[in-house]
Amino acid sequence: MSHAFRTLHQAMPIVAAALGRKFGVPVAVGGDEACTDGN
């Protein structure tokens, strides 16, 4: 895994949480697939 890819991969939960807070959407990071609760 390249350094740039690893850095981006590690930053994704931080970016997702920040966007979630900005738009009032709860974000949970974990597991190996993306999904929503329908809300």
PDB file of N, CA and C in Angstrom:
ATOM      1  N   MET A   1       0.864  -1.173   0.000  1.00  0.00           N
ATOM      2  CA  MET A   1       0.000   0.000   0.000  1.00  0.00           C
ATOM      3  C   MET A   1       0.908   1.234   0.000  1.00  0.00           C
ATOM      4  N   SER A   2       0.650   2.144  -0.899  1.00  0.00           N
ATOM      5  CA  SER A   2       1.476   3.347  -0.998  1.00  0.00           C
ATOM      6  C   SER A   2       1.214   4.280   0.187  1.00  0.00           C
ATOM      7  N   HIS A   3       2.183   5.124   0.449  1.00  0.00           N
ATOM      8  CA  HIS A   3       2.063   6.069   1.561  1.00  0.00           C
ATOM      9  C   HIS A   3       0.866   7.003   1.361  1.00  0.00           C
ATOM     10  N   ALA A   4       0.665   7.490   0.143  1.00  0.00           N
ATOM     11  CA  ALA A   4      -0.450   8.407  -0.136  1.00  0.00           C
ATOM     12  C   ALA A   4      -1.787   7.710   0.089  1.00  0.00           C
ATOM     13  N   PHE A   5      -1.907   6.472  -0.362  1.00  0.00           N
ATOM     14  CA  PHE A   5      -3.158   5.736  -0.186  1.00  0.00           C
ATOM     15  C   PHE A   5      -3.412   5.465   1.292  1.00  0.00           C
ATOM     16  N   ARG A   6      -2.378   5.072   2.010  1.00  0.00           N
ATOM     17  CA  ARG A   6      -2.519   4.776   3.440  1.00  0.00           C
ATOM     18  C   ARG A   6      -2.942   6.032   4.200  1.00  0.00           C
ATOM     19  N   THR A   7      -2.356   7.170   3.863  1.00  0.00           N
ATOM     20  CA  THR A   7      -2.710   8.431   4.512  1.00  0.00           C
ATOM     21  C   THR A   7      -4.169   8.783   4.251  1.00  0.00           C
ATOM     22  N   LEU A   8      -4.597   8.662   3.003  1.00  0.00           N
ATOM     23  CA  LEU A   8      -5.991   8.941   2.654  1.00  0.00           C
ATOM     24  C   LEU A   8      -6.929   7.977   3.363  1.00  0.00           C
ATOM     25  N   HIS A   9      -6.577   6.715   3.401  1.00  0.00           N
ATOM     26  CA  HIS A   9      -7.401   5.691   4.048  1.00  0.00           C
ATOM     27  C   HIS A   9      -7.560   5.986   5.537  1.00  0.00           C
ATOM     28  N   GLN A  10      -6.507   6.433   6.184  1.00  0.00           N
ATOM     29  CA  GLN A  10      -6.567   6.757   7.610  1.00  0.00           C
ATOM     30  C   GLN A  10      -7.342   8.044   7.868  1.00  0.00           C
ATOM     31  N   ALA A  11      -7.388   8.944   6.900  1.00  0.00           N
ATOM     32  CA  ALA A  11      -8.081  10.221   7.075  1.00  0.00           C
ATOM     33  C   ALA A  11      -9.588  10.110   6.858  1.00  0.00           C
ATOM     34  N   MET A  12     -10.038   9.085   6.165  1.00  0.00           N
ATOM     35  CA  MET A  12     -11.460   8.984   5.813  1.00  0.00           C
ATOM     36  C   MET A  12     -12.401   9.036   7.019  1.00  0.00           C
ATOM     37  N   PRO A  13     -12.158   8.310   8.112  1.00  0.00           N
ATOM     38  CA  PRO A  13     -13.073   8.416   9.255  1.00  0.00           C
ATOM     39  C   PRO A  13     -13.124   9.823   9.841  1.00  0.00           C
ATOM     40  N   ILE A  14     -12.006  10.528   9.829  1.00  0.00           N
ATOM     41  CA  ILE A  14     -11.955  11.890  10.355  1.00  0.00           C
ATOM     42  C   ILE A  14     -12.776  12.819   9.470  1.00  0.00           C
ATOM     43  N   VAL A  15     -12.614  12.691   8.171  1.00  0.00           N
ATOM     44  CA  VAL A  15     -13.363  13.515   7.215  1.00  0.00           C
ATOM     45  C   VAL A  15     -14.852  13.199   7.308  1.00  0.00           C
ATOM     46  N   ALA A  16     -15.201  11.921   7.381  1.00  0.00           N
ATOM     47  CA  ALA A  16     -16.613  11.527   7.476  1.00  0.00           C
ATOM     48  C   ALA A  16     -17.251  12.086   8.742  1.00  0.00           C
ATOM     49  N   ALA A  17     -16.547  12.010   9.856  1.00  0.00           N
ATOM     50  CA  ALA A  17     -17.086  12.537  11.114  1.00  0.00           C
ATOM     51  C   ALA A  17     -17.282  14.046  11.039  1.00  0.00           C
ATOM     52  N   ALA A  18     -16.329  14.746  10.443  1.00  0.00           N
ATOM     53  CA  ALA A  18     -16.442  16.204  10.321  1.00  0.00           C
ATOM     54  C   ALA A  18     -17.625  16.584   9.440  1.00  0.00           C
ATOM     55  N   LEU A  19     -17.789  15.903   8.321  1.00  0.00           N
ATOM     56  CA  LEU A  19     -18.929  16.189   7.439  1.00  0.00           C
ATOM     57  C   LEU A  19     -20.241  15.829   8.121  1.00  0.00           C
ATOM     58  N   GLY A  20     -20.247  14.742   8.858  1.00  0.00           N
ATOM     59  CA  GLY A  20     -21.448  14.355   9.590  1.00  0.00           C
ATOM     60  C   GLY A  20     -21.864  15.416  10.588  1.00  0.00           C
ATOM     61  N   ARG A  21     -20.900  15.935  11.334  1.00  0.00           N
ATOM     62  CA  ARG A  21     -21.215  17.006  12.289  1.00  0.00           C
ATOM     63  C   ARG A  21     -21.739  18.238  11.576  1.00  0.00           C
ATOM     64  N   LYS A  22     -21.124  18.583  10.452  1.00  0.00           N
ATOM     65  CA  LYS A  22     -21.530  19.784   9.714  1.00  0.00           C
ATOM     66  C   LYS A  22     -22.969  19.679   9.222  1.00  0.00           C
ATOM     67  N   PHE A  23     -23.364  18.501   8.750  1.00  0.00           N
ATOM     68  CA  PHE A  23     -24.692  18.328   8.174  1.00  0.00           C
ATOM     69  C   PHE A  23     -25.680  17.654   9.118  1.00  0.00           C
ATOM     70  N   GLY A  24     -25.281  17.406  10.354  1.00  0.00           N
ATOM     71  CA  GLY A  24     -26.185  16.819  11.335  1.00  0.00           C
ATOM     72  C   GLY A  24     -26.512  15.363  11.077  1.00  0.00           C
ATOM     73  N   VAL A  25     -25.571  14.644  10.489  1.00  0.00           N
ATOM     74  CA  VAL A  25     -25.779  13.230  10.178  1.00  0.00           C
ATOM     75  C   VAL A  25     -24.861  12.396  11.060  1.00  0.00           C
ATOM     76  N   PRO A  26     -25.420  11.476  11.857  1.00  0.00           N
ATOM     77  CA  PRO A  26     -24.553  10.637  12.673  1.00  0.00           C
ATOM     78  C   PRO A  26     -23.720   9.706  11.792  1.00  0.00           C
ATOM     79  N   VAL A  27     -22.447   9.586  12.102  1.00  0.00           N
ATOM     80  CA  VAL A  27     -21.540   8.743  11.325  1.00  0.00           C
ATOM     81  C   VAL A  27     -20.903   7.729  12.260  1.00  0.00           C
ATOM     82  N   ALA A  28     -20.980   6.454  11.892  1.00  0.00           N
ATOM     83  CA  ALA A  28     -20.302   5.385  12.625  1.00  0.00           C
ATOM     84  C   ALA A  28     -19.359   4.697  11.656  1.00  0.00           C
ATOM     85  N   VAL A  29     -18.126   4.502  12.070  1.00  0.00           N
ATOM     86  CA  VAL A  29     -17.127   3.882  11.207  1.00  0.00           C
ATOM     87  C   VAL A  29     -16.741   2.541  11.809  1.00  0.00           C
ATOM     88  N   GLY A  30     -16.802   1.509  10.985  1.00  0.00           N
ATOM     89  CA  GLY A  30     -16.414   0.176  11.433  1.00  0.00           C
ATOM     90  C   GLY A  30     -16.891  -0.860  10.444  1.00  0.00           C
ATOM     91  N   GLY A  31     -16.420  -2.059  10.582  1.00  0.00           N
ATOM     92  CA  GLY A  31     -16.815  -3.130   9.678  1.00  0.00           C
ATOM     93  C   GLY A  31     -16.117  -3.025   8.340  1.00  0.00           C
ATOM     94  N   ASP A  32     -16.629  -3.786   7.385  1.00  0.00           N
ATOM     95  CA  ASP A  32     -15.975  -3.828   6.078  1.00  0.00           C
ATOM     96  C   ASP A  32     -16.906  -3.475   4.927  1.00  0.00           C
ATOM     97  N   GLU A  33     -18.060  -2.869   5.239  1.00  0.00           N
ATOM     98  CA  GLU A  33     -18.951  -2.423   4.173  1.00  0.00           C
ATOM     99  C   GLU A  33     -19.679  -1.157   4.584  1.00  0.00           C
ATOM    100  N   ALA A  34     -20.092  -0.393   3.592  1.00  0.00           N
ATOM    101  CA  ALA A  34     -20.819   0.853   3.846  1.00  0.00           C
ATOM    102  C   ALA A  34     -22.315   0.572   3.848  1.00  0.00           C
ATOM    103  N   CYS A  35     -23.047   1.214   4.749  1.00  0.00           N
ATOM    104  CA  CYS A  35     -24.496   1.051   4.783  1.00  0.00           C
ATOM    105  C   CYS A  35     -25.103   2.242   5.521  1.00  0.00           C
ATOM    106  N   THR A  36     -26.418   2.345   5.431  1.00  0.00           N
ATOM    107  CA  THR A  36     -27.144   3.388   6.158  1.00  0.00           C
ATOM    108  C   THR A  36     -28.272   2.739   6.937  1.00  0.00           C
ATOM    109  N   ASP A  37     -28.875   3.512   7.835  1.00  0.00           N
ATOM    110  CA  ASP A  37     -30.039   3.014   8.561  1.00  0.00           C
ATOM    111  C   ASP A  37     -31.335   3.504   7.923  1.00  0.00           C
ATOM    112  N   GLY A  38     -31.221   4.146   6.766  1.00  0.00           N
ATOM    113  CA  GLY A  38     -32.398   4.593   6.034  1.00  0.00           C
ATOM    114  C   GLY A  38     -32.872   5.990   6.387  1.00  0.00           C
ATOM    115  N   ASN A  39     -32.210   6.649   7.300  1.00  0.00           N
ATOM    116  CA  ASN A  39     -32.630   7.999   7.696  1.00  0.00           C
ATOM    117  C   ASN A  39     -31.701   9.045   7.129  1.00  0.00           C
TER     118      ASN A  39
END
